PDB file of N, CA and C in Angstrom:
ATOM      1  N   UNK A   1     172.936  73.153  67.116  1.00  0.00           N
ATOM      2  CA  UNK A   1     171.139  72.790  66.860  1.00  0.00           C
ATOM      3  C   UNK A   1     170.371  72.760  68.136  1.00  0.00           C
ATOM      4  N   UNK A   2     169.216  72.544  67.952  1.00  0.00           N
ATOM      5  CA  UNK A   2     168.337  72.765  68.912  1.00  0.00           C
ATOM      6  C   UNK A   2     166.887  71.728  68.291  1.00  0.00           C
ATOM      7  N   UNK A   3     166.520  71.281  69.567  1.00  0.00           N
ATOM      8  CA  UNK A   3     165.294  69.501  68.664  1.00  0.00           C
ATOM      9  C   UNK A   3     164.046  71.102  69.753  1.00  0.00           C
ATOM     10  N   UNK A   4     163.151  71.208  68.654  1.00  0.00           N
ATOM     11  CA  UNK A   4     161.563  71.552  69.259  1.00  0.00           C
ATOM     12  C   UNK A   4     160.832  70.684  69.038  1.00  0.00           C
ATOM     13  N   UNK A   5     160.264  70.626  69.851  1.00  0.00           N
ATOM     14  CA  UNK A   5     159.204  69.804  71.039  1.00  0.00           C
ATOM     15  C   UNK A   5     157.345  70.363  70.444  1.00  0.00           C
ATOM     16  N   UNK A   6     157.172  70.161  69.315  1.00  0.00           N
ATOM     17  CA  UNK A   6     156.229  70.745  69.303  1.00  0.00           C
ATOM     18  C   UNK A   6     155.077  70.339  70.529  1.00  0.00           C
ATOM     19  N   UNK A   7     155.030  69.781  69.777  1.00  0.00           N
ATOM     20  CA  UNK A   7     153.890  68.589  70.840  1.00  0.00           C
ATOM     21  C   UNK A   7     154.145  68.442  72.460  1.00  0.00           C
ATOM     22  N   UNK A   8     154.151  69.690  72.512  1.00  0.00           N
ATOM     23  CA  UNK A   8     154.256  69.756  74.296  1.00  0.00           C
ATOM     24  C   UNK A   8     153.494  70.867  74.574  1.00  0.00           C
ATOM     25  N   UNK A   9     152.140  70.523  75.121  1.00  0.00           N
ATOM     26  CA  UNK A   9     151.302  70.580  75.786  1.00  0.00           C
ATOM     27  C   UNK A   9     150.567  71.531  76.743  1.00  0.00           C
ATOM     28  N   UNK A  10     150.328  72.660  76.454  1.00  0.00           N
ATOM     29  CA  UNK A  10     148.602  72.764  78.284  1.00  0.00           C
ATOM     30  C   UNK A  10     147.562  73.458  77.427  1.00  0.00           C
ATOM     31  N   UNK A  11     146.800  72.416  77.163  1.00  0.00           N
ATOM     32  CA  UNK A  11     145.587  73.065  76.910  1.00  0.00           C
ATOM     33  C   UNK A  11     144.612  73.905  77.871  1.00  0.00           C
ATOM     34  N   UNK A  12     144.138  75.279  77.563  1.00  0.00           N
ATOM     35  CA  UNK A  12     142.769  75.243  78.616  1.00  0.00           C
ATOM     36  C   UNK A  12     141.953  76.247  77.904  1.00  0.00           C
ATOM     37  N   UNK A  13     140.529  75.383  78.446  1.00  0.00           N
ATOM     38  CA  UNK A  13     139.797  75.230  77.871  1.00  0.00           C
ATOM     39  C   UNK A  13     139.285  76.367  76.962  1.00  0.00           C
ATOM     40  N   UNK A  14     138.457  77.150  76.019  1.00  0.00           N
ATOM     41  CA  UNK A  14     138.177  77.106  75.292  1.00  0.00           C
ATOM     42  C   UNK A  14     139.368  78.008  75.230  1.00  0.00           C
ATOM     43  N   UNK A  15     140.448  78.367  74.733  1.00  0.00           N
ATOM     44  CA  UNK A  15     141.215  79.256  74.876  1.00  0.00           C
ATOM     45  C   UNK A  15     142.037  78.727  74.283  1.00  0.00           C
ATOM     46  N   UNK A  16     143.222  80.068  73.810  1.00  0.00           N
ATOM     47  CA  UNK A  16     143.986  80.088  72.317  1.00  0.00           C
ATOM     48  C   UNK A  16     145.202  80.211  72.984  1.00  0.00           C
ATOM     49  N   UNK A  17     146.040  79.686  72.873  1.00  0.00           N
ATOM     50  CA  UNK A  17     147.204  79.320  73.672  1.00  0.00           C
ATOM     51  C   UNK A  17     148.683  80.048  72.531  1.00  0.00           C
ATOM     52  N   UNK A  18     149.869  81.362  72.380  1.00  0.00           N
ATOM     53  CA  UNK A  18     150.319  80.810  70.926  1.00  0.00           C
ATOM     54  C   UNK A  18     152.232  81.093  72.356  1.00  0.00           C
ATOM     55  N   UNK A  19     153.419  80.169  72.092  1.00  0.00           N
ATOM     56  CA  UNK A  19     154.530  79.989  71.829  1.00  0.00           C
ATOM     57  C   UNK A  19     155.257  80.443  70.607  1.00  0.00           C
ATOM     58  N   UNK A  20     156.265  81.268  71.200  1.00  0.00           N
ATOM     59  CA  UNK A  20     157.076  80.798  69.668  1.00  0.00           C
ATOM     60  C   UNK A  20     158.455  80.429  70.303  1.00  0.00           C
ATOM     61  N   UNK A  21     158.597  79.261  69.026  1.00  0.00           N
ATOM     62  CA  UNK A  21     159.689  77.992  69.327  1.00  0.00           C
ATOM     63  C   UNK A  21     160.985  79.027  68.616  1.00  0.00           C
ATOM     64  N   UNK A  22     160.799  78.779  67.513  1.00  0.00           N
ATOM     65  CA  UNK A  22     161.527  79.283  67.164  1.00  0.00           C
ATOM     66  C   UNK A  22     161.598  81.083  66.746  1.00  0.00           C
ATOM     67  N   UNK A  23     162.932  81.361  66.675  1.00  0.00           N
ATOM     68  CA  UNK A  23     163.067  82.910  66.616  1.00  0.00           C
ATOM     69  C   UNK A  23     164.112  83.645  66.188  1.00  0.00           C
ATOM     70  N   UNK A  24     164.759  82.783  64.711  1.00  0.00           N
ATOM     71  CA  UNK A  24     166.198  83.378  64.584  1.00  0.00           C
ATOM     72  C   UNK A  24     166.461  84.216  63.108  1.00  0.00           C
ATOM     73  N   UNK A  25     168.026  83.832  63.410  1.00  0.00           N
ATOM     74  CA  UNK A  25     167.875  85.933  61.544  1.00  0.00           C
ATOM     75  C   UNK A  25     167.677  84.742  61.046  1.00  0.00           C
ATOM     76  N   UNK A  26     166.579  83.125  60.383  1.00  0.00           N
ATOM     77  CA  UNK A  26     166.411  82.975  58.613  1.00  0.00           C
ATOM     78  C   UNK A  26     164.902  82.535  59.528  1.00  0.00           C
ATOM     79  N   UNK A  27     164.236  82.774  61.205  1.00  0.00           N
ATOM     80  CA  UNK A  27     162.742  81.986  60.438  1.00  0.00           C
ATOM     81  C   UNK A  27     162.191  82.029  62.206  1.00  0.00           C
ATOM     82  N   UNK A  28     160.823  82.671  62.226  1.00  0.00           N
ATOM     83  CA  UNK A  28     159.694  82.606  62.686  1.00  0.00           C
ATOM     84  C   UNK A  28     158.349  81.299  62.648  1.00  0.00           C
ATOM     85  N   UNK A  29     159.280  80.965  64.331  1.00  0.00           N
ATOM     86  CA  UNK A  29     158.009  78.974  63.936  1.00  0.00           C
ATOM     87  C   UNK A  29     157.455  79.431  65.346  1.00  0.00           C
ATOM     88  N   UNK A  30     155.744  79.710  65.297  1.00  0.00           N
ATOM     89  CA  UNK A  30     155.238  80.140  66.220  1.00  0.00           C
ATOM     90  C   UNK A  30     154.011  78.238  66.290  1.00  0.00           C
ATOM     91  N   UNK A  31     153.964  78.597  67.803  1.00  0.00           N
ATOM     92  CA  UNK A  31     152.927  77.475  68.604  1.00  0.00           C
ATOM     93  C   UNK A  31     151.608  77.717  68.810  1.00  0.00           C
ATOM     94  N   UNK A  32     150.724  77.068  68.322  1.00  0.00           N
ATOM     95  CA  UNK A  32     149.949  77.973  68.260  1.00  0.00           C
ATOM     96  C   UNK A  32     148.287  76.669  69.215  1.00  0.00           C
ATOM     97  N   UNK A  33     148.408  76.639  70.719  1.00  0.00           N
ATOM     98  CA  UNK A  33     147.191  75.788  70.700  1.00  0.00           C
ATOM     99  C   UNK A  33     146.116  76.255  71.087  1.00  0.00           C
ATOM    100  N   UNK A  34     145.468  75.452  70.086  1.00  0.00           N
ATOM    101  CA  UNK A  34     144.291  76.542  69.549  1.00  0.00           C
ATOM    102  C   UNK A  34     142.975  75.409  70.525  1.00  0.00           C
ATOM    103  N   UNK A  35     142.465  75.206  72.021  1.00  0.00           N
ATOM    104  CA  UNK A  35     141.701  74.373  72.651  1.00  0.00           C
ATOM    105  C   UNK A  35     140.102  74.084  71.231  1.00  0.00           C
ATOM    106  N   UNK A  36     139.266  73.593  71.588  1.00  0.00           N
ATOM    107  CA  UNK A  36     138.110  72.882  71.553  1.00  0.00           C
ATOM    108  C   UNK A  36     136.790  73.933  71.725  1.00  0.00           C
ATOM    109  N   UNK A  37     136.653  74.048  70.716  1.00  0.00           N
ATOM    110  CA  UNK A  37     135.632  75.642  70.791  1.00  0.00           C
ATOM    111  C   UNK A  37     136.735  77.111  71.140  1.00  0.00           C
ATOM    112  N   UNK A  38     137.132  77.117  70.398  1.00  0.00           N
ATOM    113  CA  UNK A  38     137.844  78.467  70.419  1.00  0.00           C
ATOM    114  C   UNK A  38     138.387  78.904  69.977  1.00  0.00           C
ATOM    115  N   UNK A  39     138.630  80.292  69.187  1.00  0.00           N
ATOM    116  CA  UNK A  39     138.454  81.226  67.999  1.00  0.00           C
ATOM    117  C   UNK A  39     139.850  82.132  67.888  1.00  0.00           C
ATOM    118  N   UNK A  40     139.776  81.918  66.883  1.00  0.00           N
ATOM    119  CA  UNK A  40     140.941  83.604  66.589  1.00  0.00           C
ATOM    120  C   UNK A  40     139.618  83.844  65.978  1.00  0.00           C
ATOM    121  N   UNK A  41     139.283  85.197  66.127  1.00  0.00           N
ATOM    122  CA  UNK A  41     138.204  86.287  65.242  1.00  0.00           C
ATOM    123  C   UNK A  41     139.436  86.410  63.960  1.00  0.00           C
ATOM    124  N   UNK A  42     138.475  87.098  62.851  1.00  0.00           N
ATOM    125  CA  UNK A  42     138.818  87.201  61.823  1.00  0.00           C
ATOM    126  C   UNK A  42     140.173  88.522  62.071  1.00  0.00           C
ATOM    127  N   UNK A  43     140.878  87.823  61.066  1.00  0.00           N
ATOM    128  CA  UNK A  43     142.299  89.167  61.298  1.00  0.00           C
ATOM    129  C   UNK A  43     143.475  88.620  59.701  1.00  0.00           C
ATOM    130  N   UNK A  44     144.268  89.829  59.578  1.00  0.00           N
ATOM    131  CA  UNK A  44     145.181  89.396  58.864  1.00  0.00           C
ATOM    132  C   UNK A  44     146.593  90.266  58.554  1.00  0.00           C
ATOM    133  N   UNK A  45     147.824  88.869  58.164  1.00  0.00           N
ATOM    134  CA  UNK A  45     149.001  88.884  58.315  1.00  0.00           C
ATOM    135  C   UNK A  45     149.913  90.052  56.949  1.00  0.00           C
ATOM    136  N   UNK A  46     150.203  90.730  57.620  1.00  0.00           N
ATOM    137  CA  UNK A  46     151.061  92.157  56.854  1.00  0.00           C
ATOM    138  C   UNK A  46     151.717  91.744  55.951  1.00  0.00           C
ATOM    139  N   UNK A  47     152.179  90.003  55.799  1.00  0.00           N
ATOM    140  CA  UNK A  47     153.017  88.959  55.409  1.00  0.00           C
ATOM    141  C   UNK A  47     152.731  88.013  54.780  1.00  0.00           C
ATOM    142  N   UNK A  48     153.099  87.073  53.799  1.00  0.00           N
ATOM    143  CA  UNK A  48     152.591  86.269  53.389  1.00  0.00           C
ATOM    144  C   UNK A  48     152.750  85.553  54.698  1.00  0.00           C
ATOM    145  N   UNK A  49     151.928  83.814  54.824  1.00  0.00           N
ATOM    146  CA  UNK A  49     151.880  83.461  55.912  1.00  0.00           C
ATOM    147  C   UNK A  49     151.591  81.789  55.464  1.00  0.00           C
ATOM    148  N   UNK A  50     151.723  80.720  56.470  1.00  0.00           N
ATOM    149  CA  UNK A  50     151.789  79.093  56.919  1.00  0.00           C
ATOM    150  C   UNK A  50     150.671  79.159  57.891  1.00  0.00           C
ATOM    151  N   UNK A  51     149.902  77.787  57.125  1.00  0.00           N
ATOM    152  CA  UNK A  51     149.816  77.443  58.895  1.00  0.00           C
ATOM    153  C   UNK A  51     148.549  76.513  58.422  1.00  0.00           C
ATOM    154  N   UNK A  52     149.940  74.949  59.193  1.00  0.00           N
ATOM    155  CA  UNK A  52     149.981  73.425  59.042  1.00  0.00           C
ATOM    156  C   UNK A  52     149.536  73.236  60.668  1.00  0.00           C
ATOM    157  N   UNK A  53     148.607  72.031  61.196  1.00  0.00           N
ATOM    158  CA  UNK A  53     147.350  71.037  61.922  1.00  0.00           C
ATOM    159  C   UNK A  53     148.693  70.378  62.052  1.00  0.00           C
ATOM    160  N   UNK A  54     149.232  70.240  62.554  1.00  0.00           N
ATOM    161  CA  UNK A  54     149.632  68.831  63.718  1.00  0.00           C
ATOM    162  C   UNK A  54     149.379  68.000  63.793  1.00  0.00           C
ATOM    163  N   UNK A  55     147.946  68.391  64.383  1.00  0.00           N
ATOM    164  CA  UNK A  55     146.843  67.200  66.047  1.00  0.00           C
ATOM    165  C   UNK A  55     146.263  68.128  65.918  1.00  0.00           C
ATOM    166  N   UNK A  56     145.085  67.432  65.878  1.00  0.00           N
ATOM    167  CA  UNK A  56     143.662  67.551  65.479  1.00  0.00           C
ATOM    168  C   UNK A  56     142.728  68.229  64.331  1.00  0.00           C
ATOM    169  N   UNK A  57     142.340  68.895  65.240  1.00  0.00           N
ATOM    170  CA  UNK A  57     141.816  69.615  63.759  1.00  0.00           C
ATOM    171  C   UNK A  57     140.435  70.450  63.667  1.00  0.00           C
ATOM    172  N   UNK A  58     140.955  71.444  62.801  1.00  0.00           N
ATOM    173  CA  UNK A  58     140.100  72.951  62.922  1.00  0.00           C
ATOM    174  C   UNK A  58     139.028  73.592  61.617  1.00  0.00           C
ATOM    175  N   UNK A  59     138.108  74.643  62.236  1.00  0.00           N
ATOM    176  CA  UNK A  59     137.895  75.204  61.226  1.00  0.00           C
ATOM    177  C   UNK A  59     138.970  76.243  60.327  1.00  0.00           C
ATOM    178  N   UNK A  60     138.815  76.923  59.312  1.00  0.00           N
ATOM    179  CA  UNK A  60     139.498  77.464  58.418  1.00  0.00           C
ATOM    180  C   UNK A  60     138.424  78.592  57.708  1.00  0.00           C
ATOM    181  N   UNK A  61     138.332  80.119  57.930  1.00  0.00           N
ATOM    182  CA  UNK A  61     137.090  80.946  57.446  1.00  0.00           C
ATOM    183  C   UNK A  61     138.441  82.085  56.138  1.00  0.00           C
ATOM    184  N   UNK A  62     138.330  81.915  55.189  1.00  0.00           N
ATOM    185  CA  UNK A  62     138.774  82.689  54.615  1.00  0.00           C
ATOM    186  C   UNK A  62     138.545  82.750  52.962  1.00  0.00           C
ATOM    187  N   UNK A  63     137.867  84.230  52.488  1.00  0.00           N
ATOM    188  CA  UNK A  63     137.331  84.982  51.205  1.00  0.00           C
ATOM    189  C   UNK A  63     135.923  83.881  51.368  1.00  0.00           C
ATOM    190  N   UNK A  64     134.780  83.948  52.404  1.00  0.00           N
ATOM    191  CA  UNK A  64     133.941  83.057  52.324  1.00  0.00           C
ATOM    192  C   UNK A  64     134.218  82.156  52.607  1.00  0.00           C
ATOM    193  N   UNK A  65     134.173  81.493  52.385  1.00  0.00           N
ATOM    194  CA  UNK A  65     134.859  79.635  52.697  1.00  0.00           C
ATOM    195  C   UNK A  65     134.822  79.216  53.532  1.00  0.00           C
ATOM    196  N   UNK A  66     134.299  77.877  54.803  1.00  0.00           N
ATOM    197  CA  UNK A  66     134.777  77.563  55.976  1.00  0.00           C
ATOM    198  C   UNK A  66     135.378  76.298  55.581  1.00  0.00           C
ATOM    199  N   UNK A  67     136.607  76.230  55.493  1.00  0.00           N
ATOM    200  CA  UNK A  67     137.833  74.753  55.271  1.00  0.00           C
ATOM    201  C   UNK A  67     137.956  73.681  57.192  1.00  0.00           C
ATOM    202  N   UNK A  68     137.405  72.872  56.971  1.00  0.00           N
ATOM    203  CA  UNK A  68     138.219  71.476  57.611  1.00  0.00           C
ATOM    204  C   UNK A  68     139.517  71.157  58.293  1.00  0.00           C
ATOM    205  N   UNK A  69     140.292  71.964  59.048  1.00  0.00           N
ATOM    206  CA  UNK A  69     141.616  71.167  57.977  1.00  0.00           C
ATOM    207  C   UNK A  69     142.079  70.318  59.150  1.00  0.00           C
ATOM    208  N   UNK A  70     141.970  69.197  58.588  1.00  0.00           N
ATOM    209  CA  UNK A  70     142.823  67.632  59.676  1.00  0.00           C
ATOM    210  C   UNK A  70     144.344  68.323  60.136  1.00  0.00           C
ATOM    211  N   UNK A  71     145.008  66.822  60.689  1.00  0.00           N
ATOM    212  CA  UNK A  71     145.962  66.971  61.248  1.00  0.00           C
ATOM    213  C   UNK A  71     146.432  66.697  59.857  1.00  0.00           C
ATOM    214  N   UNK A  72     147.880  67.103  59.710  1.00  0.00           N
ATOM    215  CA  UNK A  72     148.719  67.673  58.720  1.00  0.00           C
ATOM    216  C   UNK A  72     148.591  68.718  57.536  1.00  0.00           C
ATOM    217  N   UNK A  73     147.073  68.809  57.498  1.00  0.00           N
ATOM    218  CA  UNK A  73     147.310  70.098  56.562  1.00  0.00           C
ATOM    219  C   UNK A  73     147.175  71.408  56.375  1.00  0.00           C
ATOM    220  N   UNK A  74     148.352  72.269  55.950  1.00  0.00           N
ATOM    221  CA  UNK A  74     148.359  72.824  55.470  1.00  0.00           C
ATOM    222  C   UNK A  74     148.277  74.266  54.460  1.00  0.00           C
ATOM    223  N   UNK A  75     147.270  75.590  55.092  1.00  0.00           N
ATOM    224  CA  UNK A  75     146.866  76.459  53.981  1.00  0.00           C
ATOM    225  C   UNK A  75     147.817  77.376  53.985  1.00  0.00           C
ATOM    226  N   UNK A  76     147.957  78.077  52.776  1.00  0.00           N
ATOM    227  CA  UNK A  76     149.242  79.328  53.457  1.00  0.00           C
ATOM    228  C   UNK A  76     148.757  80.249  52.281  1.00  0.00           C
ATOM    229  N   UNK A  77     148.435  81.212  52.659  1.00  0.00           N
ATOM    230  CA  UNK A  77     148.115  82.560  52.485  1.00  0.00           C
ATOM    231  C   UNK A  77     148.978  84.404  52.259  1.00  0.00           C
ATOM    232  N   UNK A  78     148.682  84.221  50.402  1.00  0.00           N
ATOM    233  CA  UNK A  78     149.559  86.111  51.245  1.00  0.00           C
ATOM    234  C   UNK A  78     148.959  86.818  51.672  1.00  0.00           C
ATOM    235  N   UNK A  79     149.847  88.584  51.684  1.00  0.00           N
ATOM    236  CA  UNK A  79     149.655  89.346  52.460  1.00  0.00           C
ATOM    237  C   UNK A  79     148.713  89.648  52.689  1.00  0.00           C
ATOM    238  N   UNK A  80     147.562  90.127  53.602  1.00  0.00           N
ATOM    239  CA  UNK A  80     146.236  90.771  53.668  1.00  0.00           C
ATOM    240  C   UNK A  80     145.668  90.436  53.640  1.00  0.00           C
ATOM    241  N   UNK A  81     145.311  88.579  53.465  1.00  0.00           N
ATOM    242  CA  UNK A  81     143.690  88.135  52.874  1.00  0.00           C
ATOM    243  C   UNK A  81     143.020  87.734  54.623  1.00  0.00           C
ATOM    244  N   UNK A  82     141.865  88.227  54.377  1.00  0.00           N
ATOM    245  CA  UNK A  82     141.335  88.524  56.063  1.00  0.00           C
ATOM    246  C   UNK A  82     141.678  85.864  56.185  1.00  0.00           C
ATOM    247  N   UNK A  83     140.853  85.882  57.322  1.00  0.00           N
ATOM    248  CA  UNK A  83     140.626  85.171  57.720  1.00  0.00           C
ATOM    249  C   UNK A  83     140.934  84.872  59.131  1.00  0.00           C
ATOM    250  N   UNK A  84     139.835  83.444  59.486  1.00  0.00           N
ATOM    251  CA  UNK A  84     139.773  82.893  61.315  1.00  0.00           C
ATOM    252  C   UNK A  84     139.860  82.403  60.952  1.00  0.00           C
ATOM    253  N   UNK A  85     139.806  80.826  62.002  1.00  0.00           N
ATOM    254  CA  UNK A  85     139.698  79.509  62.821  1.00  0.00           C
ATOM    255  C   UNK A  85     139.619  79.861  64.186  1.00  0.00           C
ATOM    256  N   UNK A  86     139.099  78.699  64.318  1.00  0.00           N
ATOM    257  CA  UNK A  86     138.615  77.835  65.149  1.00  0.00           C
ATOM    258  C   UNK A  86     138.673  76.019  65.820  1.00  0.00           C
ATOM    259  N   UNK A  87     139.095  75.552  67.209  1.00  0.00           N
ATOM    260  CA  UNK A  87     139.086  74.608  67.582  1.00  0.00           C
ATOM    261  C   UNK A  87     138.075  73.944  67.570  1.00  0.00           C
ATOM    262  N   UNK A  88     138.149  72.823  66.177  1.00  0.00           N
ATOM    263  CA  UNK A  88     137.319  71.062  66.004  1.00  0.00           C
ATOM    264  C   UNK A  88     137.402  70.616  67.500  1.00  0.00           C
ATOM    265  N   UNK A  89     138.528  70.354  67.322  1.00  0.00           N
ATOM    266  CA  UNK A  89     139.194  69.489  68.291  1.00  0.00           C
ATOM    267  C   UNK A  89     140.819  70.517  69.353  1.00  0.00           C
ATOM    268  N   UNK A  90     140.403  69.403  70.602  1.00  0.00           N
ATOM    269  CA  UNK A  90     142.252  70.972  70.565  1.00  0.00           C
ATOM    270  C   UNK A  90     143.660  70.253  69.203  1.00  0.00           C
ATOM    271  N   UNK A  91     143.852  70.935  69.400  1.00  0.00           N
ATOM    272  CA  UNK A  91     144.927  71.294  68.577  1.00  0.00           C
ATOM    273  C   UNK A  91     146.188  72.423  67.721  1.00  0.00           C
ATOM    274  N   UNK A  92     147.468  72.077  67.833  1.00  0.00           N
ATOM    275  CA  UNK A  92     148.211  72.324  67.730  1.00  0.00           C
ATOM    276  C   UNK A  92     148.990  72.175  66.866  1.00  0.00           C
ATOM    277  N   UNK A  93     148.680  73.663  66.690  1.00  0.00           N
ATOM    278  CA  UNK A  93     149.196  74.487  64.960  1.00  0.00           C
ATOM    279  C   UNK A  93     150.834  75.308  64.799  1.00  0.00           C
ATOM    280  N   UNK A  94     151.488  74.831  63.565  1.00  0.00           N
ATOM    281  CA  UNK A  94     152.420  75.204  63.393  1.00  0.00           C
ATOM    282  C   UNK A  94     151.957  76.700  62.826  1.00  0.00           C
ATOM    283  N   UNK A  95     152.248  77.578  62.942  1.00  0.00           N
ATOM    284  CA  UNK A  95     152.546  79.298  62.037  1.00  0.00           C
ATOM    285  C   UNK A  95     154.054  79.587  61.743  1.00  0.00           C
ATOM    286  N   UNK A  96     154.299  80.150  60.565  1.00  0.00           N
ATOM    287  CA  UNK A  96     155.633  79.953  60.002  1.00  0.00           C
ATOM    288  C   UNK A  96     155.167  81.914  59.245  1.00  0.00           C
ATOM    289  N   UNK A  97     156.357  82.098  59.966  1.00  0.00           N
ATOM    290  CA  UNK A  97     155.244  83.484  59.516  1.00  0.00           C
ATOM    291  C   UNK A  97     157.073  84.640  59.522  1.00  0.00           C
ATOM    292  N   UNK A  98     156.630  85.588  58.324  1.00  0.00           N
ATOM    293  CA  UNK A  98     158.248  86.064  57.903  1.00  0.00           C
ATOM    294  C   UNK A  98     158.453  86.632  59.253  1.00  0.00           C
ATOM    295  N   UNK A  99     159.379  86.366  59.165  1.00  0.00           N
ATOM    296  CA  UNK A  99     160.724  87.649  59.933  1.00  0.00           C
ATOM    297  C   UNK A  99     160.364  88.903  59.943  1.00  0.00           C
ATOM    298  N   UNK A 100     159.700  89.465  58.930  1.00  0.00           N
ATOM    299  CA  UNK A 100     159.316  90.819  59.394  1.00  0.00           C
ATOM    300  C   UNK A 100     158.193  91.225  59.941  1.00  0.00           C
ATOM    301  N   UNK A 101     157.351  89.747  60.498  1.00  0.00           N
ATOM    302  CA  UNK A 101     156.010  89.793  61.260  1.00  0.00           C
ATOM    303  C   UNK A 101     156.706  89.964  62.953  1.00  0.00           C
ATOM    304  N   UNK A 102     155.423  90.227  63.422  1.00  0.00           N
ATOM    305  CA  UNK A 102     156.045  90.019  65.215  1.00  0.00           C
ATOM    306  C   UNK A 102     155.082  89.424  65.137  1.00  0.00           C
ATOM    307  N   UNK A 103     155.447  89.207  66.981  1.00  0.00           N
ATOM    308  CA  UNK A 103     154.479  88.344  67.949  1.00  0.00           C
ATOM    309  C   UNK A 103     153.234  89.100  68.541  1.00  0.00           C
ATOM    310  N   UNK A 104     154.416  90.075  68.788  1.00  0.00           N
ATOM    311  CA  UNK A 104     153.112  91.556  69.311  1.00  0.00           C
ATOM    312  C   UNK A 104     151.798  91.392  68.614  1.00  0.00           C
ATOM    313  N   UNK A 105     151.072  91.469  67.782  1.00  0.00           N
ATOM    314  CA  UNK A 105     150.306  91.362  66.376  1.00  0.00           C
ATOM    315  C   UNK A 105     149.460  90.309  66.463  1.00  0.00           C
ATOM    316  N   UNK A 106     150.317  89.154  66.171  1.00  0.00           N
ATOM    317  CA  UNK A 106     149.064  87.296  67.381  1.00  0.00           C
ATOM    318  C   UNK A 106     148.622  88.061  68.643  1.00  0.00           C
ATOM    319  N   UNK A 107     150.321  88.172  69.404  1.00  0.00           N
ATOM    320  CA  UNK A 107     148.804  88.421  70.825  1.00  0.00           C
ATOM    321  C   UNK A 107     147.716  89.613  70.942  1.00  0.00           C
ATOM    322  N   UNK A 108     148.076  90.903  70.064  1.00  0.00           N
ATOM    323  CA  UNK A 108     146.780  91.403  69.758  1.00  0.00           C
ATOM    324  C   UNK A 108     145.372  90.947  68.887  1.00  0.00           C
ATOM    325  N   UNK A 109     145.650  90.125  68.226  1.00  0.00           N
ATOM    326  CA  UNK A 109     144.057  89.198  67.953  1.00  0.00           C
ATOM    327  C   UNK A 109     144.121  88.079  68.032  1.00  0.00           C
ATOM    328  N   UNK A 110     144.378  87.580  69.668  1.00  0.00           N
ATOM    329  CA  UNK A 110     144.117  87.524  70.881  1.00  0.00           C
ATOM    330  C   UNK A 110     143.113  88.220  72.038  1.00  0.00           C
ATOM    331  N   UNK A 111     143.779  89.649  71.746  1.00  0.00           N
ATOM    332  CA  UNK A 111     143.431  90.222  72.949  1.00  0.00           C
ATOM    333  C   UNK A 111     142.187  91.446  72.024  1.00  0.00           C
ATOM    334  N   UNK A 112     141.538  90.998  71.022  1.00  0.00           N
ATOM    335  CA  UNK A 112     140.377  91.298  70.206  1.00  0.00           C
ATOM    336  C   UNK A 112     139.489  91.523  71.575  1.00  0.00           C
ATOM    337  N   UNK A 113     138.132  92.678  71.597  1.00  0.00           N
ATOM    338  CA  UNK A 113     136.915  92.451  72.718  1.00  0.00           C
ATOM    339  C   UNK A 113     136.346  91.711  71.809  1.00  0.00           C
ATOM    340  N   UNK A 114     135.520  90.494  72.512  1.00  0.00           N
ATOM    341  CA  UNK A 114     134.480  89.577  71.507  1.00  0.00           C
ATOM    342  C   UNK A 114     133.069  91.112  71.337  1.00  0.00           C
ATOM    343  N   UNK A 115     132.656  90.450  69.761  1.00  0.00           N
ATOM    344  CA  UNK A 115     131.746  90.841  69.398  1.00  0.00           C
ATOM    345  C   UNK A 115     130.224  90.674  70.293  1.00  0.00           C
ATOM    346  N   UNK A 116     129.441  91.151  70.544  1.00  0.00           N
ATOM    347  CA  UNK A 116     127.973  90.851  71.588  1.00  0.00           C
ATOM    348  C   UNK A 116     127.205  90.915  69.814  1.00  0.00           C
ATOM    349  N   UNK A 117     126.150  89.657  70.196  1.00  0.00           N
ATOM    350  CA  UNK A 117     125.392  89.486  69.683  1.00  0.00           C
ATOM    351  C   UNK A 117     124.210  89.536  70.570  1.00  0.00           C
TER     352      UNK A 117
END
């Protein structure tokens, strides 16, 4: 038995922080600390994903539509659907991944170079 505490946080101003909370033979659950005004640039996952806001408020852009997700809202996407997200408030996100997916892919998203306008 293991108790996972999703509300343990350490927000950094305008930063995104990734924590692997569960990675076992059945599932992979990632905590994303999405600080206010932080952004995860457009990316896609090779497998279906589920994104749930555990606390806070975010915007989530998918297929040309920018949605506002509030505490306890969840969105599910099939594989290879481009999407981006950003913090409207300091937010705790639960990302449920396929067991075949990997955390290195998530970390690579955070390292994508910023586009200069």
